[in-house]
């Protein structure tokens, strides 16, 4: 997975509350990072989830999440979370997401 595969990035800085006793991001927080970046991507493209829910009854539900951890992310580190729509089905969407060191090709998780 290359950085060039992602048309959108959201930058975050790792907070103290997200790390474990070893000073690295606790694994469950990656899903929060992905969700935050996906929300920012939807905002970026002008999609209003609440309006679509009320007007058309369209909802999104996560049915599967798979995270591959490659290298640790540490406290106070800046990271870029890449978002790419990877598949559009008749009733589903699939997303590719990647956590990179800020401004680098250093893929930490996907």
PDB file of N, CA and C in Angstrom:
ATOM      1  N   UNK A   1       0.844  -1.163   0.000  1.00  0.00           N
ATOM      2  CA  UNK A   1       0.000   0.000   0.000  1.00  0.00           C
ATOM      3  C   UNK A   1       0.898   1.236   0.000  1.00  0.00           C
ATOM      4  N   UNK A   2       0.711   2.067  -1.009  1.00  0.00           N
ATOM      5  CA  UNK A   2       1.522   3.273  -1.177  1.00  0.00           C
ATOM      6  C   UNK A   2       0.716   4.520  -0.849  1.00  0.00           C
ATOM      7  N   UNK A   3       1.397   5.532  -0.404  1.00  0.00           N
ATOM      8  CA  UNK A   3       0.750   6.803  -0.072  1.00  0.00           C
ATOM      9  C   UNK A   3       0.015   7.391  -1.274  1.00  0.00           C
ATOM     10  N   UNK A   4       0.544   7.188  -2.465  1.00  0.00           N
ATOM     11  CA  UNK A   4      -0.062   7.738  -3.689  1.00  0.00           C
ATOM     12  C   UNK A   4      -1.417   7.124  -4.008  1.00  0.00           C
ATOM     13  N   UNK A   5      -1.778   6.019  -3.362  1.00  0.00           N
ATOM     14  CA  UNK A   5      -3.069   5.370  -3.585  1.00  0.00           C
ATOM     15  C   UNK A   5      -4.222   6.098  -2.892  1.00  0.00           C
ATOM     16  N   UNK A   6      -3.902   7.050  -2.031  1.00  0.00           N
ATOM     17  CA  UNK A   6      -4.924   7.723  -1.230  1.00  0.00           C
ATOM     18  C   UNK A   6      -5.150   9.149  -1.719  1.00  0.00           C
ATOM     19  N   UNK A   7      -6.384   9.471  -2.107  1.00  0.00           N
ATOM     20  CA  UNK A   7      -6.671  10.832  -2.568  1.00  0.00           C
ATOM     21  C   UNK A   7      -6.912  11.826  -1.431  1.00  0.00           C
ATOM     22  N   UNK A   8      -7.063  11.338  -0.201  1.00  0.00           N
ATOM     23  CA  UNK A   8      -7.383  12.211   0.925  1.00  0.00           C
ATOM     24  C   UNK A   8      -6.605  11.776   2.151  1.00  0.00           C
ATOM     25  N   UNK A   9      -6.137  12.758   2.924  1.00  0.00           N
ATOM     26  CA  UNK A   9      -5.443  12.492   4.185  1.00  0.00           C
ATOM     27  C   UNK A   9      -5.985  13.406   5.280  1.00  0.00           C
ATOM     28  N   UNK A  10      -6.024  12.856   6.479  1.00  0.00           N
ATOM     29  CA  UNK A  10      -6.374  13.641   7.659  1.00  0.00           C
ATOM     30  C   UNK A  10      -5.227  13.489   8.643  1.00  0.00           C
ATOM     31  N   UNK A  11      -4.708  14.605   9.136  1.00  0.00           N
ATOM     32  CA  UNK A  11      -3.577  14.560  10.065  1.00  0.00           C
ATOM     33  C   UNK A  11      -4.053  14.563  11.507  1.00  0.00           C
ATOM     34  N   UNK A  12      -3.399  13.754  12.322  1.00  0.00           N
ATOM     35  CA  UNK A  12      -3.647  13.718  13.767  1.00  0.00           C
ATOM     36  C   UNK A  12      -2.312  13.703  14.492  1.00  0.00           C
ATOM     37  N   UNK A  13      -2.360  14.086  15.764  1.00  0.00           N
ATOM     38  CA  UNK A  13      -1.199  13.947  16.645  1.00  0.00           C
ATOM     39  C   UNK A  13      -1.613  13.007  17.774  1.00  0.00           C
ATOM     40  N   UNK A  14      -0.771  12.021  18.059  1.00  0.00           N
ATOM     41  CA  UNK A  14      -1.082  11.024  19.079  1.00  0.00           C
ATOM     42  C   UNK A  14      -1.107  11.679  20.454  1.00  0.00           C
ATOM     43  N   UNK A  15      -2.207  11.443  21.167  1.00  0.00           N
ATOM     44  CA  UNK A  15      -2.391  11.985  22.504  1.00  0.00           C
ATOM     45  C   UNK A  15      -1.974  10.963  23.563  1.00  0.00           C
ATOM     46  N   UNK A  16      -1.676  11.464  24.737  1.00  0.00           N
ATOM     47  CA  UNK A  16      -1.240  10.603  25.838  1.00  0.00           C
ATOM     48  C   UNK A  16      -2.264   9.512  26.139  1.00  0.00           C
ATOM     49  N   UNK A  17      -3.542   9.853  26.056  1.00  0.00           N
ATOM     50  CA  UNK A  17      -4.600   8.892  26.398  1.00  0.00           C
ATOM     51  C   UNK A  17      -4.683   7.728  25.412  1.00  0.00           C
ATOM     52  N   UNK A  18      -3.991   7.823  24.289  1.00  0.00           N
ATOM     53  CA  UNK A  18      -4.067   6.781  23.255  1.00  0.00           C
ATOM     54  C   UNK A  18      -2.923   5.765  23.319  1.00  0.00           C
ATOM     55  N   UNK A  19      -1.991   5.974  24.232  1.00  0.00           N
ATOM     56  CA  UNK A  19      -0.826   5.086  24.279  1.00  0.00           C
ATOM     57  C   UNK A  19      -0.932   4.088  25.429  1.00  0.00           C
ATOM     58  N   UNK A  20      -0.154   3.018  25.306  1.00  0.00           N
ATOM     59  CA  UNK A  20      -0.090   2.022  26.370  1.00  0.00           C
ATOM     60  C   UNK A  20       1.153   2.279  27.224  1.00  0.00           C
ATOM     61  N   UNK A  21       1.477   1.364  28.116  1.00  0.00           N
ATOM     62  CA  UNK A  21       2.608   1.559  29.029  1.00  0.00           C
ATOM     63  C   UNK A  21       3.964   1.539  28.321  1.00  0.00           C
ATOM     64  N   UNK A  22       3.989   1.075  27.073  1.00  0.00           N
ATOM     65  CA  UNK A  22       5.226   1.077  26.292  1.00  0.00           C
ATOM     66  C   UNK A  22       5.400   2.378  25.496  1.00  0.00           C
ATOM     67  N   UNK A  23       4.403   3.261  25.583  1.00  0.00           N
ATOM     68  CA  UNK A  23       4.488   4.533  24.879  1.00  0.00           C
ATOM     69  C   UNK A  23       4.061   4.473  23.428  1.00  0.00           C
ATOM     70  N   UNK A  24       3.404   3.374  23.037  1.00  0.00           N
ATOM     71  CA  UNK A  24       2.923   3.253  21.658  1.00  0.00           C
ATOM     72  C   UNK A  24       1.393   3.226  21.640  1.00  0.00           C
ATOM     73  N   UNK A  25       0.836   3.557  20.490  1.00  0.00           N
ATOM     74  CA  UNK A  25      -0.623   3.616  20.370  1.00  0.00           C
ATOM     75  C   UNK A  25      -1.220   2.237  20.626  1.00  0.00           C
ATOM     76  N   UNK A  26      -2.178   2.185  21.534  1.00  0.00           N
ATOM     77  CA  UNK A  26      -2.915   0.949  21.822  1.00  0.00           C
ATOM     78  C   UNK A  26      -3.707   0.561  20.579  1.00  0.00           C
ATOM     79  N   UNK A  27      -3.717  -0.710  20.248  1.00  0.00           N
ATOM     80  CA  UNK A  27      -4.270  -1.187  18.974  1.00  0.00           C
ATOM     81  C   UNK A  27      -5.697  -0.738  18.682  1.00  0.00           C
ATOM     82  N   UNK A  28      -6.561  -0.677  19.666  1.00  0.00           N
ATOM     83  CA  UNK A  28      -7.960  -0.315  19.417  1.00  0.00           C
ATOM     84  C   UNK A  28      -8.117   1.117  18.914  1.00  0.00           C
ATOM     85  N   UNK A  29      -7.164   1.974  19.194  1.00  0.00           N
ATOM     86  CA  UNK A  29      -7.276   3.374  18.771  1.00  0.00           C
ATOM     87  C   UNK A  29      -7.141   3.541  17.260  1.00  0.00           C
ATOM     88  N   UNK A  30      -6.548   2.584  16.577  1.00  0.00           N
ATOM     89  CA  UNK A  30      -6.433   2.685  15.117  1.00  0.00           C
ATOM     90  C   UNK A  30      -7.813   2.730  14.463  1.00  0.00           C
ATOM     91  N   UNK A  31      -8.771   1.991  15.012  1.00  0.00           N
ATOM     92  CA  UNK A  31     -10.130   2.038  14.462  1.00  0.00           C
ATOM     93  C   UNK A  31     -10.749   3.419  14.654  1.00  0.00           C
ATOM     94  N   UNK A  32     -10.453   4.061  15.773  1.00  0.00           N
ATOM     95  CA  UNK A  32     -10.920   5.434  15.986  1.00  0.00           C
ATOM     96  C   UNK A  32     -10.252   6.375  14.990  1.00  0.00           C
ATOM     97  N   UNK A  33      -8.966   6.193  14.751  1.00  0.00           N
ATOM     98  CA  UNK A  33      -8.261   7.018  13.756  1.00  0.00           C
ATOM     99  C   UNK A  33      -8.910   6.851  12.381  1.00  0.00           C
ATOM    100  N   UNK A  34      -9.202   5.609  12.004  1.00  0.00           N
ATOM    101  CA  UNK A  34      -9.817   5.359  10.699  1.00  0.00           C
ATOM    102  C   UNK A  34     -11.197   5.996  10.618  1.00  0.00           C
ATOM    103  N   UNK A  35     -11.985   5.857  11.672  1.00  0.00           N
ATOM    104  CA  UNK A  35     -13.320   6.436  11.687  1.00  0.00           C
ATOM    105  C   UNK A  35     -13.270   7.961  11.595  1.00  0.00           C
ATOM    106  N   UNK A  36     -12.342   8.572  12.314  1.00  0.00           N
ATOM    107  CA  UNK A  36     -12.186  10.028  12.273  1.00  0.00           C
ATOM    108  C   UNK A  36     -11.805  10.489  10.873  1.00  0.00           C
ATOM    109  N   UNK A  37     -10.854   9.809  10.249  1.00  0.00           N
ATOM    110  CA  UNK A  37     -10.431  10.188   8.898  1.00  0.00           C
ATOM    111  C   UNK A  37     -11.561   9.994   7.892  1.00  0.00           C
ATOM    112  N   UNK A  38     -12.316   8.941   8.029  1.00  0.00           N
ATOM    113  CA  UNK A  38     -13.444   8.697   7.127  1.00  0.00           C
ATOM    114  C   UNK A  38     -14.508   9.784   7.287  1.00  0.00           C
ATOM    115  N   UNK A  39     -14.780  10.181   8.515  1.00  0.00           N
ATOM    116  CA  UNK A  39     -15.728  11.266   8.766  1.00  0.00           C
ATOM    117  C   UNK A  39     -15.242  12.565   8.124  1.00  0.00           C
ATOM    118  N   UNK A  40     -13.961  12.856   8.240  1.00  0.00           N
ATOM    119  CA  UNK A  40     -13.404  14.071   7.640  1.00  0.00           C
ATOM    120  C   UNK A  40     -13.424  14.002   6.114  1.00  0.00           C
ATOM    121  N   UNK A  41     -13.220  12.812   5.576  1.00  0.00           N
ATOM    122  CA  UNK A  41     -13.309  12.642   4.123  1.00  0.00           C
ATOM    123  C   UNK A  41     -14.729  12.941   3.640  1.00  0.00           C
ATOM    124  N   UNK A  42     -15.724  12.403   4.337  1.00  0.00           N
ATOM    125  CA  UNK A  42     -17.118  12.640   3.955  1.00  0.00           C
ATOM    126  C   UNK A  42     -17.450  14.129   4.041  1.00  0.00           C
ATOM    127  N   UNK A  43     -16.957  14.797   5.056  1.00  0.00           N
ATOM    128  CA  UNK A  43     -17.152  16.239   5.183  1.00  0.00           C
ATOM    129  C   UNK A  43     -16.481  16.956   4.008  1.00  0.00           C
ATOM    130  N   UNK A  44     -15.270  16.520   3.663  1.00  0.00           N
ATOM    131  CA  UNK A  44     -14.502  17.118   2.564  1.00  0.00           C
ATOM    132  C   UNK A  44     -15.240  17.035   1.225  1.00  0.00           C
ATOM    133  N   UNK A  45     -15.899  15.922   0.966  1.00  0.00           N
ATOM    134  CA  UNK A  45     -16.615  15.756  -0.307  1.00  0.00           C
ATOM    135  C   UNK A  45     -18.046  16.289  -0.247  1.00  0.00           C
ATOM    136  N   UNK A  46     -18.441  16.843   0.903  1.00  0.00           N
ATOM    137  CA  UNK A  46     -19.753  17.466   1.021  1.00  0.00           C
ATOM    138  C   UNK A  46     -20.895  16.525   1.336  1.00  0.00           C
ATOM    139  N   UNK A  47     -20.578  15.317   1.801  1.00  0.00           N
ATOM    140  CA  UNK A  47     -21.627  14.361   2.138  1.00  0.00           C
ATOM    141  C   UNK A  47     -22.151  14.647   3.537  1.00  0.00           C
ATOM    142  N   UNK A  48     -23.444  14.774   3.672  1.00  0.00           N
ATOM    143  CA  UNK A  48     -24.092  15.048   4.952  1.00  0.00           C
ATOM    144  C   UNK A  48     -24.839  13.795   5.404  1.00  0.00           C
ATOM    145  N   UNK A  49     -24.225  13.030   6.275  1.00  0.00           N
ATOM    146  CA  UNK A  49     -24.794  11.763   6.732  1.00  0.00           C
ATOM    147  C   UNK A  49     -26.144  11.972   7.415  1.00  0.00           C
ATOM    148  N   UNK A  50     -26.232  12.947   8.287  1.00  0.00           N
ATOM    149  CA  UNK A  50     -27.482  13.172   9.018  1.00  0.00           C
ATOM    150  C   UNK A  50     -28.626  13.534   8.069  1.00  0.00           C
ATOM    151  N   UNK A  51     -28.345  14.365   7.075  1.00  0.00           N
ATOM    152  CA  UNK A  51     -29.385  14.746   6.115  1.00  0.00           C
ATOM    153  C   UNK A  51     -29.838  13.528   5.304  1.00  0.00           C
ATOM    154  N   UNK A  52     -28.896  12.718   4.843  1.00  0.00           N
ATOM    155  CA  UNK A  52     -29.239  11.531   4.058  1.00  0.00           C
ATOM    156  C   UNK A  52     -30.047  10.537   4.887  1.00  0.00           C
ATOM    157  N   UNK A  53     -29.712  10.434   6.153  1.00  0.00           N
ATOM    158  CA  UNK A  53     -30.448   9.532   7.038  1.00  0.00           C
ATOM    159  C   UNK A  53     -31.902   9.983   7.176  1.00  0.00           C
ATOM    160  N   UNK A  54     -32.112  11.265   7.395  1.00  0.00           N
ATOM    161  CA  UNK A  54     -33.469  11.802   7.569  1.00  0.00           C
ATOM    162  C   UNK A  54     -34.246  11.786   6.256  1.00  0.00           C
ATOM    163  N   UNK A  55     -33.621  12.263   5.174  1.00  0.00           N
ATOM    164  CA  UNK A  55     -34.345  12.419   3.907  1.00  0.00           C
ATOM    165  C   UNK A  55     -34.535  11.117   3.134  1.00  0.00           C
ATOM    166  N   UNK A  56     -33.542  10.233   3.176  1.00  0.00           N
ATOM    167  CA  UNK A  56     -33.613   9.022   2.347  1.00  0.00           C
ATOM    168  C   UNK A  56     -33.549   7.727   3.141  1.00  0.00           C
ATOM    169  N   UNK A  57     -33.303   7.831   4.433  1.00  0.00           N
ATOM    170  CA  UNK A  57     -33.206   6.623   5.247  1.00  0.00           C
ATOM    171  C   UNK A  57     -31.937   5.824   5.003  1.00  0.00           C
ATOM    172  N   UNK A  58     -30.914   6.464   4.440  1.00  0.00           N
ATOM    173  CA  UNK A  58     -29.654   5.785   4.138  1.00  0.00           C
ATOM    174  C   UNK A  58     -28.776   5.776   5.385  1.00  0.00           C
ATOM    175  N   UNK A  59     -28.323   4.584   5.767  1.00  0.00           N
ATOM    176  CA  UNK A  59     -27.451   4.433   6.928  1.00  0.00           C
ATOM    177  C   UNK A  59     -26.230   3.611   6.547  1.00  0.00           C
ATOM    178  N   UNK A  60     -25.164   3.802   7.306  1.00  0.00           N
ATOM    179  CA  UNK A  60     -23.957   2.997   7.147  1.00  0.00           C
ATOM    180  C   UNK A  60     -23.766   2.154   8.394  1.00  0.00           C
ATOM    181  N   UNK A  61     -23.370   0.919   8.210  1.00  0.00           N
ATOM    182  CA  UNK A  61     -23.062   0.020   9.316  1.00  0.00           C
ATOM    183  C   UNK A  61     -21.744  -0.672   9.008  1.00  0.00           C
ATOM    184  N   UNK A  62     -20.869  -0.717   9.969  1.00  0.00           N
ATOM    185  CA  UNK A  62     -19.622  -1.455   9.812  1.00  0.00           C
ATOM    186  C   UNK A  62     -19.932  -2.932  10.032  1.00  0.00           C
ATOM    187  N   UNK A  63     -19.563  -3.765   9.059  1.00  0.00           N
ATOM    188  CA  UNK A  63     -19.797  -5.196   9.207  1.00  0.00           C
ATOM    189  C   UNK A  63     -18.490  -5.981   9.325  1.00  0.00           C
ATOM    190  N   UNK A  64     -17.378  -5.331   8.968  1.00  0.00           N
ATOM    191  CA  UNK A  64     -16.091  -6.008   9.094  1.00  0.00           C
ATOM    192  C   UNK A  64     -14.979  -4.973   9.141  1.00  0.00           C
ATOM    193  N   UNK A  65     -14.062  -5.179  10.074  1.00  0.00           N
ATOM    194  CA  UNK A  65     -12.873  -4.334  10.177  1.00  0.00           C
ATOM    195  C   UNK A  65     -11.669  -5.249  10.307  1.00  0.00           C
ATOM    196  N   UNK A  66     -10.643  -4.951   9.534  1.00  0.00           N
ATOM    197  CA  UNK A  66      -9.400  -5.708   9.602  1.00  0.00           C
ATOM    198  C   UNK A  66      -8.265  -4.699   9.638  1.00  0.00           C
ATOM    199  N   UNK A  67      -7.452  -4.771  10.671  1.00  0.00           N
ATOM    200  CA  UNK A  67      -6.323  -3.862  10.793  1.00  0.00           C
ATOM    201  C   UNK A  67      -5.032  -4.677  10.750  1.00  0.00           C
ATOM    202  N   UNK A  68      -4.116  -4.248   9.893  1.00  0.00           N
ATOM    203  CA  UNK A  68      -2.779  -4.844   9.841  1.00  0.00           C
ATOM    204  C   UNK A  68      -1.803  -3.833  10.424  1.00  0.00           C
ATOM    205  N   UNK A  69      -1.142  -4.232  11.513  1.00  0.00           N
ATOM    206  CA  UNK A  69      -0.188  -3.360  12.193  1.00  0.00           C
ATOM    207  C   UNK A  69       1.199  -3.664  11.651  1.00  0.00           C
ATOM    208  N   UNK A  70       1.896  -2.627  11.194  1.00  0.00           N
ATOM    209  CA  UNK A  70       3.212  -2.824  10.588  1.00  0.00           C
ATOM    210  C   UNK A  70       4.352  -2.315  11.455  1.00  0.00           C
ATOM    211  N   UNK A  71       4.205  -1.086  11.926  1.00  0.00           N
ATOM    212  CA  UNK A  71       5.215  -0.477  12.791  1.00  0.00           C
ATOM    213  C   UNK A  71       4.509   0.375  13.824  1.00  0.00           C
ATOM    214  N   UNK A  72       5.057   0.501  15.016  1.00  0.00           N
ATOM    215  CA  UNK A  72       4.377   1.262  16.064  1.00  0.00           C
ATOM    216  C   UNK A  72       4.318   2.765  15.768  1.00  0.00           C
ATOM    217  N   UNK A  73       3.283   3.372  16.309  1.00  0.00           N
ATOM    218  CA  UNK A  73       3.134   4.823  16.323  1.00  0.00           C
ATOM    219  C   UNK A  73       3.283   5.232  17.779  1.00  0.00           C
ATOM    220  N   UNK A  74       4.043   6.282  18.026  1.00  0.00           N
ATOM    221  CA  UNK A  74       4.394   6.661  19.394  1.00  0.00           C
ATOM    222  C   UNK A  74       3.732   7.961  19.846  1.00  0.00           C
ATOM    223  N   UNK A  75       3.770   8.172  21.134  1.00  0.00           N
ATOM    224  CA  UNK A  75       3.202   9.368  21.758  1.00  0.00           C
ATOM    225  C   UNK A  75       3.718  10.644  21.099  1.00  0.00           C
ATOM    226  N   UNK A  76       2.812  11.578  20.857  1.00  0.00           N
ATOM    227  CA  UNK A  76       3.057  12.918  20.327  1.00  0.00           C
ATOM    228  C   UNK A  76       3.500  12.919  18.867  1.00  0.00           C
ATOM    229  N   UNK A  77       3.484  11.774  18.237  1.00  0.00           N
ATOM    230  CA  UNK A  77       3.863  11.689  16.821  1.00  0.00           C
ATOM    231  C   UNK A  77       2.712  12.189  15.950  1.00  0.00           C
ATOM    232  N   UNK A  78       3.057  12.882  14.882  1.00  0.00           N
ATOM    233  CA  UNK A  78       2.051  13.292  13.903  1.00  0.00           C
ATOM    234  C   UNK A  78       1.903  12.177  12.878  1.00  0.00           C
ATOM    235  N   UNK A  79       0.662  11.879  12.541  1.00  0.00           N
ATOM    236  CA  UNK A  79       0.380  10.838  11.562  1.00  0.00           C
ATOM    237  C   UNK A  79      -0.619  11.363  10.536  1.00  0.00           C
ATOM    238  N   UNK A  80      -0.562  10.800   9.351  1.00  0.00           N
ATOM    239  CA  UNK A  80      -1.526  11.075   8.295  1.00  0.00           C
ATOM    240  C   UNK A  80      -2.324   9.811   8.054  1.00  0.00           C
ATOM    241  N   UNK A  81      -3.652   9.929   8.088  1.00  0.00           N
ATOM    242  CA  UNK A  81      -4.520   8.789   7.822  1.00  0.00           C
ATOM    243  C   UNK A  81      -5.104   8.970   6.435  1.00  0.00           C
ATOM    244  N   UNK A  82      -4.757   8.052   5.540  1.00  0.00           N
ATOM    245  CA  UNK A  82      -5.232   8.111   4.166  1.00  0.00           C
ATOM    246  C   UNK A  82      -6.551   7.376   4.008  1.00  0.00           C
ATOM    247  N   UNK A  83      -7.412   7.920   3.127  1.00  0.00           N
ATOM    248  CA  UNK A  83      -8.736   7.334   2.869  1.00  0.00           C
ATOM    249  C   UNK A  83      -8.894   7.152   1.371  1.00  0.00           C
ATOM    250  N   UNK A  84      -9.358   5.965   0.990  1.00  0.00           N
ATOM    251  CA  UNK A  84      -9.636   5.681  -0.409  1.00  0.00           C
ATOM    252  C   UNK A  84     -10.853   4.757  -0.496  1.00  0.00           C
ATOM    253  N   UNK A  85     -11.820   5.149  -1.293  1.00  0.00           N
ATOM    254  CA  UNK A  85     -12.962   4.274  -1.558  1.00  0.00           C
ATOM    255  C   UNK A  85     -12.467   3.170  -2.478  1.00  0.00           C
ATOM    256  N   UNK A  86     -12.489   1.941  -2.000  1.00  0.00           N
ATOM    257  CA  UNK A  86     -11.886   0.851  -2.781  1.00  0.00           C
ATOM    258  C   UNK A  86     -12.886  -0.007  -3.545  1.00  0.00           C
ATOM    259  N   UNK A  87     -14.157  -0.005  -3.118  1.00  0.00           N
ATOM    260  CA  UNK A  87     -15.145  -0.810  -3.833  1.00  0.00           C
ATOM    261  C   UNK A  87     -16.531  -0.252  -3.565  1.00  0.00           C
ATOM    262  N   UNK A  88     -17.330  -0.175  -4.627  1.00  0.00           N
ATOM    263  CA  UNK A  88     -18.728   0.223  -4.504  1.00  0.00           C
ATOM    264  C   UNK A  88     -19.573  -0.935  -5.008  1.00  0.00           C
ATOM    265  N   UNK A  89     -20.381  -1.470  -4.121  1.00  0.00           N
ATOM    266  CA  UNK A  89     -21.288  -2.554  -4.494  1.00  0.00           C
ATOM    267  C   UNK A  89     -22.707  -2.039  -4.616  1.00  0.00           C
ATOM    268  N   UNK A  90     -23.655  -2.953  -4.751  1.00  0.00           N
ATOM    269  CA  UNK A  90     -25.074  -2.554  -4.855  1.00  0.00           C
ATOM    270  C   UNK A  90     -25.617  -2.026  -3.541  1.00  0.00           C
ATOM    271  N   UNK A  91     -25.134  -2.574  -2.434  1.00  0.00           N
ATOM    272  CA  UNK A  91     -25.633  -2.133  -1.131  1.00  0.00           C
ATOM    273  C   UNK A  91     -24.498  -1.961  -0.112  1.00  0.00           C
ATOM    274  N   UNK A  92     -23.289  -1.850  -0.602  1.00  0.00           N
ATOM    275  CA  UNK A  92     -22.162  -1.735   0.328  1.00  0.00           C
ATOM    276  C   UNK A  92     -21.016  -0.935  -0.286  1.00  0.00           C
ATOM    277  N   UNK A  93     -20.168  -0.465   0.601  1.00  0.00           N
ATOM    278  CA  UNK A  93     -18.935   0.234   0.233  1.00  0.00           C
ATOM    279  C   UNK A  93     -17.790  -0.408   0.983  1.00  0.00           C
ATOM    280  N   UNK A  94     -16.617  -0.414   0.372  1.00  0.00           N
ATOM    281  CA  UNK A  94     -15.412  -0.848   1.074  1.00  0.00           C
ATOM    282  C   UNK A  94     -14.396   0.281   0.988  1.00  0.00           C
ATOM    283  N   UNK A  95     -13.684   0.476   2.085  1.00  0.00           N
ATOM    284  CA  UNK A  95     -12.699   1.535   2.183  1.00  0.00           C
ATOM    285  C   UNK A  95     -11.318   0.953   2.412  1.00  0.00           C
ATOM    286  N   UNK A  96     -10.319   1.588   1.830  1.00  0.00           N
ATOM    287  CA  UNK A  96      -8.927   1.299   2.164  1.00  0.00           C
ATOM    288  C   UNK A  96      -8.444   2.482   2.986  1.00  0.00           C
ATOM    289  N   UNK A  97      -7.799   2.191   4.095  1.00  0.00           N
ATOM    290  CA  UNK A  97      -7.298   3.240   4.976  1.00  0.00           C
ATOM    291  C   UNK A  97      -5.877   2.907   5.377  1.00  0.00           C
ATOM    292  N   UNK A  98      -5.064   3.922   5.530  1.00  0.00           N
ATOM    293  CA  UNK A  98      -3.676   3.696   5.909  1.00  0.00           C
ATOM    294  C   UNK A  98      -3.190   4.767   6.861  1.00  0.00           C
ATOM    295  N   UNK A  99      -2.385   4.353   7.833  1.00  0.00           N
ATOM    296  CA  UNK A  99      -1.757   5.287   8.761  1.00  0.00           C
ATOM    297  C   UNK A  99      -0.292   5.407   8.364  1.00  0.00           C
ATOM    298  N   UNK A 100       0.116   6.630   8.070  1.00  0.00           N
ATOM    299  CA  UNK A 100       1.488   6.920   7.660  1.00  0.00           C
ATOM    300  C   UNK A 100       2.120   7.895   8.642  1.00  0.00           C
ATOM    301  N   UNK A 101       3.437   7.833   8.782  1.00  0.00           N
ATOM    302  CA  UNK A 101       4.134   8.905   9.474  1.00  0.00           C
ATOM    303  C   UNK A 101       3.859  10.188   8.705  1.00  0.00           C
ATOM    304  N   UNK A 102       3.715  11.302   9.399  1.00  0.00           N
ATOM    305  CA  UNK A 102       3.339  12.566   8.752  1.00  0.00           C
ATOM    306  C   UNK A 102       4.281  12.907   7.604  1.00  0.00           C
ATOM    307  N   UNK A 103       3.686  13.123   6.428  1.00  0.00           N
ATOM    308  CA  UNK A 103       4.432  13.541   5.257  1.00  0.00           C
ATOM    309  C   UNK A 103       5.388  12.504   4.687  1.00  0.00           C
ATOM    310  N   UNK A 104       5.234  11.243   5.082  1.00  0.00           N
ATOM    311  CA  UNK A 104       6.190  10.224   4.633  1.00  0.00           C
ATOM    312  C   UNK A 104       5.486   9.024   3.998  1.00  0.00           C
ATOM    313  N   UNK A 105       6.282   8.155   3.426  1.00  0.00           N
ATOM    314  CA  UNK A 105       5.808   6.899   2.841  1.00  0.00           C
ATOM    315  C   UNK A 105       5.792   5.778   3.864  1.00  0.00           C
ATOM    316  N   UNK A 106       6.087   6.095   5.114  1.00  0.00           N
ATOM    317  CA  UNK A 106       6.236   5.115   6.182  1.00  0.00           C
ATOM    318  C   UNK A 106       4.870   4.606   6.648  1.00  0.00           C
ATOM    319  N   UNK A 107       4.392   3.523   6.027  1.00  0.00           N
ATOM    320  CA  UNK A 107       3.103   2.937   6.377  1.00  0.00           C
ATOM    321  C   UNK A 107       3.199   2.213   7.699  1.00  0.00           C
ATOM    322  N   UNK A 108       2.371   2.616   8.655  1.00  0.00           N
ATOM    323  CA  UNK A 108       2.394   2.022   9.987  1.00  0.00           C
ATOM    324  C   UNK A 108       1.293   0.994  10.188  1.00  0.00           C
ATOM    325  N   UNK A 109       0.128   1.242   9.583  1.00  0.00           N
ATOM    326  CA  UNK A 109      -0.992   0.320   9.721  1.00  0.00           C
ATOM    327  C   UNK A 109      -1.930   0.545   8.558  1.00  0.00           C
ATOM    328  N   UNK A 110      -2.702  -0.483   8.246  1.00  0.00           N
ATOM    329  CA  UNK A 110      -3.694  -0.358   7.167  1.00  0.00           C
ATOM    330  C   UNK A 110      -4.898  -1.208   7.515  1.00  0.00           C
TER     331      UNK A 110
END
